[in-house]
Amino acid sequence: GDLWGGAHHPSENTFATVGQDKVVYIWDAESHTPKHVFKVEKPAQACCFSPCGSVLAVASTTGEWWVLDSQNGLVLSSYKSGPEQIDAIAYSPDGSSIAVGSHDNYVYLFESSNLRAEYKPIGKCTGHSSFITHLDFSDDGKVLQTTSGDYEHLFWDATNGDQITSTKDMRDVNMSTYTCTLGFPVCGIWPVGYDGTDINALCRSHNDKLLVTADDFGLVNLFRYPCCNPTAEWSSFRGHSAHVTKVRFLHGD
């Protein structure tokens, strides 16, 4: 089946992929071979490692998501966040919370004070008018940025889900990751002729110097970060014959 979810390990040269075949792979990036293979109950759409790498959260096409032991695939806990597909899921930088972005237009927030125990819901971000496509936490874990299928870029209080309506207050907020395809630091990634659906994924390097995108034309595109100039130069790399659905930098870039 299609492969849509991918995540880098925070401290090892490994990464995870999930797809519609209900299989989770943990790959060795150097040998290009799987280190671990797990099965989940439903077709999977997104995944993320905890900041320590001990657990992997895997989200499905039907609203279910699971927290797995990243070494043996044991399901530590399971949840249902809405009735629809989950495209985005991420832990806060300290691992104390997790955000789940659904096709029902909501972002569900959970407290994860113990990564291997039950997570407690702490809020729901309500304000998007289309499905959630990407999300990122700020460095301090207090702010969440999200994008949606109708190209909205919104900010939220990550402790309770309240919308932050004053975008000028977000000007100096540093994001721990940058995977949202909208925002001033990445506004130069859109070449002339691209529409809002042509770029499927984005990732900023860990040293904050590079930016990579994956598009509908089989290309992986490399930019300098920040990329604020609409005429910014970039390098393109072709290896896929169709849509590239996910792109991530590995640990250590």
C-alpha atoms as a PDB file:
ATOM      1  CA  GLY A   1       0.000   0.000   0.000  1.00  0.00           C
ATOM      2  CA  ASP A   2       0.888   3.681  -0.117  1.00  0.00           C
ATOM      3  CA  LEU A   3       3.564   4.969   2.274  1.00  0.00           C
ATOM      4  CA  TRP A   4       2.610   8.278   3.911  1.00  0.00           C
ATOM      5  CA  GLY A   5       4.222   8.396   7.352  1.00  0.00           C
ATOM      6  CA  GLY A   6       7.882   8.836   8.216  1.00  0.00           C
ATOM      7  CA  ALA A   7       9.902   9.956  11.235  1.00  0.00           C
ATOM      8  CA  HIS A   8      13.599  10.177  12.114  1.00  0.00           C
ATOM      9  CA  HIS A   9      14.947   8.756  15.370  1.00  0.00           C
ATOM     10  CA  PRO A  10      16.141  11.586  17.659  1.00  0.00           C
ATOM     11  CA  SER A  11      19.545  10.078  18.509  1.00  0.00           C
ATOM     12  CA  GLU A  12      20.223   7.108  16.207  1.00  0.00           C
ATOM     13  CA  ASN A  13      20.829   6.773  12.480  1.00  0.00           C
ATOM     14  CA  THR A  14      17.456   5.118  12.009  1.00  0.00           C
ATOM     15  CA  PHE A  15      13.993   6.145  10.844  1.00  0.00           C
ATOM     16  CA  ALA A  16      10.443   4.794  10.868  1.00  0.00           C
ATOM     17  CA  THR A  17       7.956   4.436   8.027  1.00  0.00           C
ATOM     18  CA  VAL A  18       4.270   3.505   8.138  1.00  0.00           C
ATOM     19  CA  GLY A  19       1.748   2.868   5.396  1.00  0.00           C
ATOM     20  CA  GLN A  20      -1.553   1.473   4.252  1.00  0.00           C
ATOM     21  CA  ASP A  21      -0.240  -2.095   4.537  1.00  0.00           C
ATOM     22  CA  LYS A  22      -0.544  -1.840   8.381  1.00  0.00           C
ATOM     23  CA  VAL A  23       3.201  -2.454   8.786  1.00  0.00           C
ATOM     24  CA  VAL A  24       5.654  -0.303  10.755  1.00  0.00           C
ATOM     25  CA  TYR A  25       9.302  -0.471   9.711  1.00  0.00           C
ATOM     26  CA  ILE A  26      12.255   0.843  11.711  1.00  0.00           C
ATOM     27  CA  TRP A  27      15.087   1.182   9.186  1.00  0.00           C
ATOM     28  CA  ASP A  28      18.861   1.282   9.536  1.00  0.00           C
ATOM     29  CA  ALA A  29      19.758   4.304   7.410  1.00  0.00           C
ATOM     30  CA  GLU A  30      23.291   3.114   6.655  1.00  0.00           C
ATOM     31  CA  SER A  31      22.484  -0.431   5.505  1.00  0.00           C
ATOM     32  CA  HIS A  32      19.004   0.418   4.115  1.00  0.00           C
ATOM     33  CA  THR A  33      17.624  -2.664   5.868  1.00  0.00           C
ATOM     34  CA  PRO A  34      14.850  -2.955   8.484  1.00  0.00           C
ATOM     35  CA  LYS A  35      15.939  -3.301  12.124  1.00  0.00           C
ATOM     36  CA  HIS A  36      12.399  -3.950  13.399  1.00  0.00           C
ATOM     37  CA  VAL A  37       9.068  -4.740  11.774  1.00  0.00           C
ATOM     38  CA  PHE A  38       5.748  -4.367  13.611  1.00  0.00           C
ATOM     39  CA  LYS A  39       2.098  -4.806  12.653  1.00  0.00           C
ATOM     40  CA  VAL A  40      -0.730  -2.447  13.612  1.00  0.00           C
ATOM     41  CA  GLU A  41      -4.490  -3.015  13.440  1.00  0.00           C
ATOM     42  CA  LYS A  42      -5.408  -0.364  10.849  1.00  0.00           C
ATOM     43  CA  PRO A  43      -3.803   1.268   7.797  1.00  0.00           C
ATOM     44  CA  ALA A  44      -1.324   3.849   9.101  1.00  0.00           C
ATOM     45  CA  GLN A  45      -0.870   7.422   7.949  1.00  0.00           C
ATOM     46  CA  ALA A  46       1.591   9.188  10.272  1.00  0.00           C
ATOM     47  CA  CYS A  47       4.128   8.507  13.007  1.00  0.00           C
ATOM     48  CA  CYS A  48       6.573  10.228  15.353  1.00  0.00           C
ATOM     49  CA  PHE A  49       9.241   9.219  17.862  1.00  0.00           C
ATOM     50  CA  SER A  50       9.269  10.569  21.397  1.00  0.00           C
ATOM     51  CA  PRO A  51      12.204  12.922  22.111  1.00  0.00           C
ATOM     52  CA  CYS A  52      14.097  10.103  23.835  1.00  0.00           C
ATOM     53  CA  GLY A  53      13.272   7.622  21.075  1.00  0.00           C
ATOM     54  CA  SER A  54      11.914   4.948  23.403  1.00  0.00           C
ATOM     55  CA  VAL A  55       8.385   5.033  21.995  1.00  0.00           C
ATOM     56  CA  LEU A  56       6.843   5.545  18.573  1.00  0.00           C
ATOM     57  CA  ALA A  57       3.354   6.996  18.127  1.00  0.00           C
ATOM     58  CA  VAL A  58       1.560   5.639  15.031  1.00  0.00           C
ATOM     59  CA  ALA A  59      -1.652   7.197  13.679  1.00  0.00           C
ATOM     60  CA  SER A  60      -4.192   5.530  11.406  1.00  0.00           C
ATOM     61  CA  THR A  61      -6.575   6.406   8.589  1.00  0.00           C
ATOM     62  CA  THR A  62      -9.572   5.841  10.875  1.00  0.00           C
ATOM     63  CA  GLY A  63      -8.785   8.039  13.905  1.00  0.00           C
ATOM     64  CA  GLU A  64      -7.062   5.412  16.043  1.00  0.00           C
ATOM     65  CA  TRP A  65      -3.483   5.920  17.187  1.00  0.00           C
ATOM     66  CA  TRP A  66      -1.150   3.842  19.268  1.00  0.00           C
ATOM     67  CA  VAL A  67       1.968   4.321  21.383  1.00  0.00           C
ATOM     68  CA  LEU A  68       4.421   1.501  20.664  1.00  0.00           C
ATOM     69  CA  ASP A  69       7.658   0.431  22.286  1.00  0.00           C
ATOM     70  CA  SER A  70      10.119   1.334  19.526  1.00  0.00           C
ATOM     71  CA  GLN A  71      12.260  -1.760  20.186  1.00  0.00           C
ATOM     72  CA  ASN A  72       9.677  -4.539  20.192  1.00  0.00           C
ATOM     73  CA  GLY A  73       6.447  -2.997  18.885  1.00  0.00           C
ATOM     74  CA  LEU A  74       4.484  -3.659  22.082  1.00  0.00           C
ATOM     75  CA  VAL A  75       1.356  -1.478  22.188  1.00  0.00           C
ATOM     76  CA  LEU A  76       1.698   0.542  25.396  1.00  0.00           C
ATOM     77  CA  SER A  77      -1.569   2.464  24.989  1.00  0.00           C
ATOM     78  CA  SER A  78      -4.172   3.223  22.315  1.00  0.00           C
ATOM     79  CA  TYR A  79      -6.543   6.115  21.592  1.00  0.00           C
ATOM     80  CA  LYS A  80      -9.299   7.321  19.284  1.00  0.00           C
ATOM     81  CA  SER A  81      -9.117  10.994  18.230  1.00  0.00           C
ATOM     82  CA  GLY A  82     -12.098  11.621  16.015  1.00  0.00           C
ATOM     83  CA  PRO A  83     -13.556   9.399  13.289  1.00  0.00           C
ATOM     84  CA  GLU A  84     -11.259  10.372  10.424  1.00  0.00           C
ATOM     85  CA  GLN A  85      -7.724  10.081   9.094  1.00  0.00           C
ATOM     86  CA  ILE A  86      -4.817  11.510  11.089  1.00  0.00           C
ATOM     87  CA  ASP A  87      -2.168  13.160   8.894  1.00  0.00           C
ATOM     88  CA  ALA A  88       0.005  14.808  11.555  1.00  0.00           C
ATOM     89  CA  ILE A  89       1.221  13.738  14.980  1.00  0.00           C
ATOM     90  CA  ALA A  90       4.085  15.116  17.083  1.00  0.00           C
ATOM     91  CA  TYR A  91       5.509  15.119  20.600  1.00  0.00           C
ATOM     92  CA  SER A  92       6.486  18.363  22.302  1.00  0.00           C
ATOM     93  CA  PRO A  93      10.273  18.879  22.646  1.00  0.00           C
ATOM     94  CA  ASP A  94      10.319  17.598  26.239  1.00  0.00           C
ATOM     95  CA  GLY A  95       7.897  14.735  25.531  1.00  0.00           C
ATOM     96  CA  SER A  96       5.361  16.000  28.057  1.00  0.00           C
ATOM     97  CA  SER A  97       2.568  16.338  25.496  1.00  0.00           C
ATOM     98  CA  ILE A  98       1.522  15.108  22.067  1.00  0.00           C
ATOM     99  CA  ALA A  99      -0.588  16.764  19.355  1.00  0.00           C
ATOM    100  CA  VAL A 100      -2.761  14.797  16.927  1.00  0.00           C
ATOM    101  CA  GLY A 101      -4.035  16.517  13.761  1.00  0.00           C
ATOM    102  CA  SER A 102      -7.152  14.976  12.209  1.00  0.00           C
ATOM    103  CA  HIS A 103      -9.187  15.192   9.005  1.00  0.00           C
ATOM    104  CA  ASP A 104     -12.125  16.277  11.189  1.00  0.00           C
ATOM    105  CA  ASN A 105     -10.403  19.733  11.316  1.00  0.00           C
ATOM    106  CA  TYR A 106      -9.350  19.431  14.969  1.00  0.00           C
ATOM    107  CA  VAL A 107      -6.024  19.013  16.745  1.00  0.00           C
ATOM    108  CA  TYR A 108      -6.263  16.843  19.852  1.00  0.00           C
ATOM    109  CA  LEU A 109      -3.819  17.544  22.693  1.00  0.00           C
ATOM    110  CA  PHE A 110      -2.738  14.989  25.280  1.00  0.00           C
ATOM    111  CA  GLU A 111      -0.499  15.108  28.325  1.00  0.00           C
ATOM    112  CA  SER A 112       2.223  12.449  28.264  1.00  0.00           C
ATOM    113  CA  SER A 113       3.973  12.851  31.619  1.00  0.00           C
ATOM    114  CA  ASN A 114       4.808   9.130  31.485  1.00  0.00           C
ATOM    115  CA  LEU A 115       5.490   8.056  27.899  1.00  0.00           C
ATOM    116  CA  ARG A 116       4.706   4.413  28.642  1.00  0.00           C
ATOM    117  CA  ALA A 117       1.474   5.020  30.571  1.00  0.00           C
ATOM    118  CA  GLU A 118      -1.976   6.322  29.659  1.00  0.00           C
ATOM    119  CA  TYR A 119      -2.067   9.820  28.147  1.00  0.00           C
ATOM    120  CA  LYS A 120      -4.620  12.341  29.405  1.00  0.00           C
ATOM    121  CA  PRO A 121      -6.519  14.705  27.052  1.00  0.00           C
ATOM    122  CA  ILE A 122      -5.837  18.365  27.891  1.00  0.00           C
ATOM    123  CA  GLY A 123      -7.503  20.266  25.051  1.00  0.00           C
ATOM    124  CA  LYS A 124      -8.685  20.461  21.450  1.00  0.00           C
ATOM    125  CA  CYS A 125      -7.712  23.093  18.890  1.00  0.00           C
ATOM    126  CA  THR A 126     -10.903  24.276  17.177  1.00  0.00           C
ATOM    127  CA  GLY A 127     -10.736  26.850  14.403  1.00  0.00           C
ATOM    128  CA  HIS A 128      -9.555  25.286  11.155  1.00  0.00           C
ATOM    129  CA  SER A 129     -12.146  24.955   8.390  1.00  0.00           C
ATOM    130  CA  SER A 130     -10.362  22.063   6.669  1.00  0.00           C
ATOM    131  CA  PHE A 131      -8.318  18.996   7.595  1.00  0.00           C
ATOM    132  CA  ILE A 132      -5.003  19.328   9.447  1.00  0.00           C
ATOM    133  CA  THR A 133      -1.964  18.706   7.247  1.00  0.00           C
ATOM    134  CA  HIS A 134       1.103  19.591   9.380  1.00  0.00           C
ATOM    135  CA  LEU A 135       1.933  20.743  12.904  1.00  0.00           C
ATOM    136  CA  ASP A 136       4.955  21.873  14.932  1.00  0.00           C
ATOM    137  CA  PHE A 137       5.682  22.723  18.569  1.00  0.00           C
ATOM    138  CA  SER A 138       7.712  25.736  19.672  1.00  0.00           C
ATOM    139  CA  ASP A 139      11.051  25.246  21.420  1.00  0.00           C
ATOM    140  CA  ASP A 140       9.421  25.611  24.845  1.00  0.00           C
ATOM    141  CA  GLY A 141       6.453  23.397  23.924  1.00  0.00           C
ATOM    142  CA  LYS A 142       3.931  26.132  24.753  1.00  0.00           C
ATOM    143  CA  VAL A 143       2.914  27.095  21.206  1.00  0.00           C
ATOM    144  CA  LEU A 144       1.670  24.940  18.337  1.00  0.00           C
ATOM    145  CA  GLN A 145       1.541  25.955  14.677  1.00  0.00           C
ATOM    146  CA  THR A 146      -0.681  24.106  12.204  1.00  0.00           C
ATOM    147  CA  THR A 147      -1.631  24.173   8.540  1.00  0.00           C
ATOM    148  CA  SER A 148      -4.758  22.809   6.893  1.00  0.00           C
ATOM    149  CA  GLY A 149      -6.094  21.618   3.561  1.00  0.00           C
ATOM    150  CA  ASP A 150      -7.446  25.065   2.689  1.00  0.00           C
ATOM    151  CA  TYR A 151      -3.997  26.666   3.273  1.00  0.00           C
ATOM    152  CA  GLU A 152      -4.680  28.225   6.676  1.00  0.00           C
ATOM    153  CA  HIS A 153      -1.698  28.741   8.995  1.00  0.00           C
ATOM    154  CA  LEU A 154      -2.804  29.072  12.635  1.00  0.00           C
ATOM    155  CA  PHE A 155      -1.201  29.234  16.090  1.00  0.00           C
ATOM    156  CA  TRP A 156      -2.413  27.714  19.363  1.00  0.00           C
ATOM    157  CA  ASP A 157      -1.702  27.602  23.076  1.00  0.00           C
ATOM    158  CA  ALA A 158      -0.353  24.055  23.325  1.00  0.00           C
ATOM    159  CA  THR A 159      -1.312  23.762  27.002  1.00  0.00           C
ATOM    160  CA  ASN A 160      -5.067  24.014  26.435  1.00  0.00           C
ATOM    161  CA  GLY A 161      -5.844  24.325  22.692  1.00  0.00           C
ATOM    162  CA  ASP A 162      -6.891  27.995  22.700  1.00  0.00           C
ATOM    163  CA  GLN A 163      -6.234  29.800  19.420  1.00  0.00           C
ATOM    164  CA  ILE A 164      -3.639  32.591  19.413  1.00  0.00           C
ATOM    165  CA  THR A 165      -5.174  35.189  17.137  1.00  0.00           C
ATOM    166  CA  SER A 166      -2.416  37.820  17.303  1.00  0.00           C
ATOM    167  CA  THR A 167       0.133  36.549  14.783  1.00  0.00           C
ATOM    168  CA  LYS A 168       2.490  39.449  15.540  1.00  0.00           C
ATOM    169  CA  ASP A 169       3.043  37.868  18.960  1.00  0.00           C
ATOM    170  CA  MET A 170       4.334  34.774  17.159  1.00  0.00           C
ATOM    171  CA  ARG A 171       6.989  36.652  15.193  1.00  0.00           C
ATOM    172  CA  ASP A 172       9.827  35.794  17.583  1.00  0.00           C
ATOM    173  CA  VAL A 173       8.648  32.320  18.583  1.00  0.00           C
ATOM    174  CA  ASN A 174      11.152  29.658  17.539  1.00  0.00           C
ATOM    175  CA  MET A 175       9.726  26.362  16.367  1.00  0.00           C
ATOM    176  CA  SER A 176      11.405  23.185  17.572  1.00  0.00           C
ATOM    177  CA  THR A 177      10.683  21.599  14.191  1.00  0.00           C
ATOM    178  CA  TYR A 178       9.420  23.133  10.972  1.00  0.00           C
ATOM    179  CA  THR A 179       7.230  20.840   8.860  1.00  0.00           C
ATOM    180  CA  CYS A 180       4.413  23.276   8.050  1.00  0.00           C
ATOM    181  CA  THR A 181       4.487  24.291   4.400  1.00  0.00           C
ATOM    182  CA  LEU A 182       3.297  27.833   5.185  1.00  0.00           C
ATOM    183  CA  GLY A 183       4.817  30.674   7.188  1.00  0.00           C
ATOM    184  CA  PHE A 184       7.257  33.522   6.631  1.00  0.00           C
ATOM    185  CA  PRO A 185      10.460  31.420   7.068  1.00  0.00           C
ATOM    186  CA  VAL A 186       9.353  29.094   4.235  1.00  0.00           C
ATOM    187  CA  CYS A 187       7.363  31.366   1.923  1.00  0.00           C
ATOM    188  CA  GLY A 188      10.037  31.073  -0.780  1.00  0.00           C
ATOM    189  CA  ILE A 189       9.563  27.314  -1.329  1.00  0.00           C
ATOM    190  CA  TRP A 190       6.713  27.807  -3.803  1.00  0.00           C
ATOM    191  CA  PRO A 191       8.007  28.052  -7.401  1.00  0.00           C
ATOM    192  CA  VAL A 192       5.953  29.873 -10.025  1.00  0.00           C
ATOM    193  CA  GLY A 193       3.194  27.574 -11.284  1.00  0.00           C
ATOM    194  CA  TYR A 194       2.899  25.462  -8.133  1.00  0.00           C
ATOM    195  CA  ASP A 195      -0.481  25.339  -6.403  1.00  0.00           C
ATOM    196  CA  GLY A 196      -1.171  24.602  -2.748  1.00  0.00           C
ATOM    197  CA  THR A 197      -1.381  20.841  -3.254  1.00  0.00           C
ATOM    198  CA  ASP A 198       1.918  20.413  -5.115  1.00  0.00           C
ATOM    199  CA  ILE A 199       4.188  20.390  -2.049  1.00  0.00           C
ATOM    200  CA  ASN A 200       3.346  17.426   0.174  1.00  0.00           C
ATOM    201  CA  ALA A 201       5.978  17.652   2.892  1.00  0.00           C
ATOM    202  CA  LEU A 202       8.679  19.919   4.268  1.00  0.00           C
ATOM    203  CA  CYS A 203      11.429  19.583   6.851  1.00  0.00           C
ATOM    204  CA  ARG A 204      13.993  21.968   8.308  1.00  0.00           C
ATOM    205  CA  SER A 205      17.411  20.525   9.130  1.00  0.00           C
ATOM    206  CA  HIS A 206      18.398  20.208  12.783  1.00  0.00           C
ATOM    207  CA  ASN A 207      21.125  22.838  12.405  1.00  0.00           C
ATOM    208  CA  ASP A 208      18.535  25.300  11.009  1.00  0.00           C
ATOM    209  CA  LYS A 209      20.547  25.854   7.812  1.00  0.00           C
ATOM    210  CA  LEU A 210      18.651  23.817   5.202  1.00  0.00           C
ATOM    211  CA  LEU A 211      15.100  23.128   4.135  1.00  0.00           C
ATOM    212  CA  VAL A 212      13.848  20.207   2.065  1.00  0.00           C
ATOM    213  CA  THR A 213      10.491  19.737   0.330  1.00  0.00           C
ATOM    214  CA  ALA A 214       8.758  16.801  -1.373  1.00  0.00           C
ATOM    215  CA  ASP A 215       6.422  17.497  -4.278  1.00  0.00           C
ATOM    216  CA  ASP A 216       3.915  15.977  -6.690  1.00  0.00           C
ATOM    217  CA  PHE A 217       6.436  15.803  -9.520  1.00  0.00           C
ATOM    218  CA  GLY A 218       8.707  13.128  -8.043  1.00  0.00           C
ATOM    219  CA  LEU A 219      11.199  15.703  -6.779  1.00  0.00           C
ATOM    220  CA  VAL A 220      12.994  16.356  -3.498  1.00  0.00           C
ATOM    221  CA  ASN A 221      13.997  20.031  -3.385  1.00  0.00           C
ATOM    222  CA  LEU A 222      16.747  21.526  -1.207  1.00  0.00           C
ATOM    223  CA  PHE A 223      16.719  25.189  -0.087  1.00  0.00           C
ATOM    224  CA  ARG A 224      18.670  27.323   2.348  1.00  0.00           C
ATOM    225  CA  TYR A 225      16.801  28.170   5.559  1.00  0.00           C
ATOM    226  CA  PRO A 226      15.195  30.576   6.156  1.00  0.00           C
ATOM    227  CA  CYS A 227      13.677  30.713   2.684  1.00  0.00           C
ATOM    228  CA  CYS A 228      11.767  33.984   2.489  1.00  0.00           C
ATOM    229  CA  ASN A 229      12.580  35.107  -1.055  1.00  0.00           C
ATOM    230  CA  PRO A 230      10.103  34.082  -3.779  1.00  0.00           C
ATOM    231  CA  THR A 231      13.037  33.882  -6.215  1.00  0.00           C
ATOM    232  CA  ALA A 232      15.168  31.720  -3.911  1.00  0.00           C
ATOM    233  CA  GLU A 233      17.519  29.262  -5.588  1.00  0.00           C
ATOM    234  CA  TRP A 234      17.184  25.546  -4.908  1.00  0.00           C
ATOM    235  CA  SER A 235      18.500  22.164  -6.034  1.00  0.00           C
ATOM    236  CA  SER A 236      16.146  19.389  -7.146  1.00  0.00           C
ATOM    237  CA  PHE A 237      16.779  15.650  -6.958  1.00  0.00           C
ATOM    238  CA  ARG A 238      14.751  13.044  -8.818  1.00  0.00           C
ATOM    239  CA  GLY A 239      14.451   9.448  -7.670  1.00  0.00           C
ATOM    240  CA  HIS A 240      10.712   8.831  -7.556  1.00  0.00           C
ATOM    241  CA  SER A 241       8.431   8.302 -10.520  1.00  0.00           C
ATOM    242  CA  ALA A 242       5.377   9.880  -8.877  1.00  0.00           C
ATOM    243  CA  HIS A 243       4.308  11.928  -5.843  1.00  0.00           C
ATOM    244  CA  VAL A 244       6.838  12.152  -2.981  1.00  0.00           C
ATOM    245  CA  THR A 245       4.678  12.029   0.131  1.00  0.00           C
ATOM    246  CA  LYS A 246       7.117  12.504   3.001  1.00  0.00           C
ATOM    247  CA  VAL A 247      10.624  13.874   3.590  1.00  0.00           C
ATOM    248  CA  ARG A 248      12.707  14.121   6.770  1.00  0.00           C
ATOM    249  CA  PHE A 249      16.308  14.847   7.754  1.00  0.00           C
ATOM    250  CA  LEU A 250      17.964  12.097   9.791  1.00  0.00           C
ATOM    251  CA  HIS A 251      19.595  12.603  13.165  1.00  0.00           C
ATOM    252  CA  GLY A 252      22.725  14.668  12.587  1.00  0.00           C
ATOM    253  CA  ASP A 253      21.355  15.819   9.199  1.00  0.00           C
END
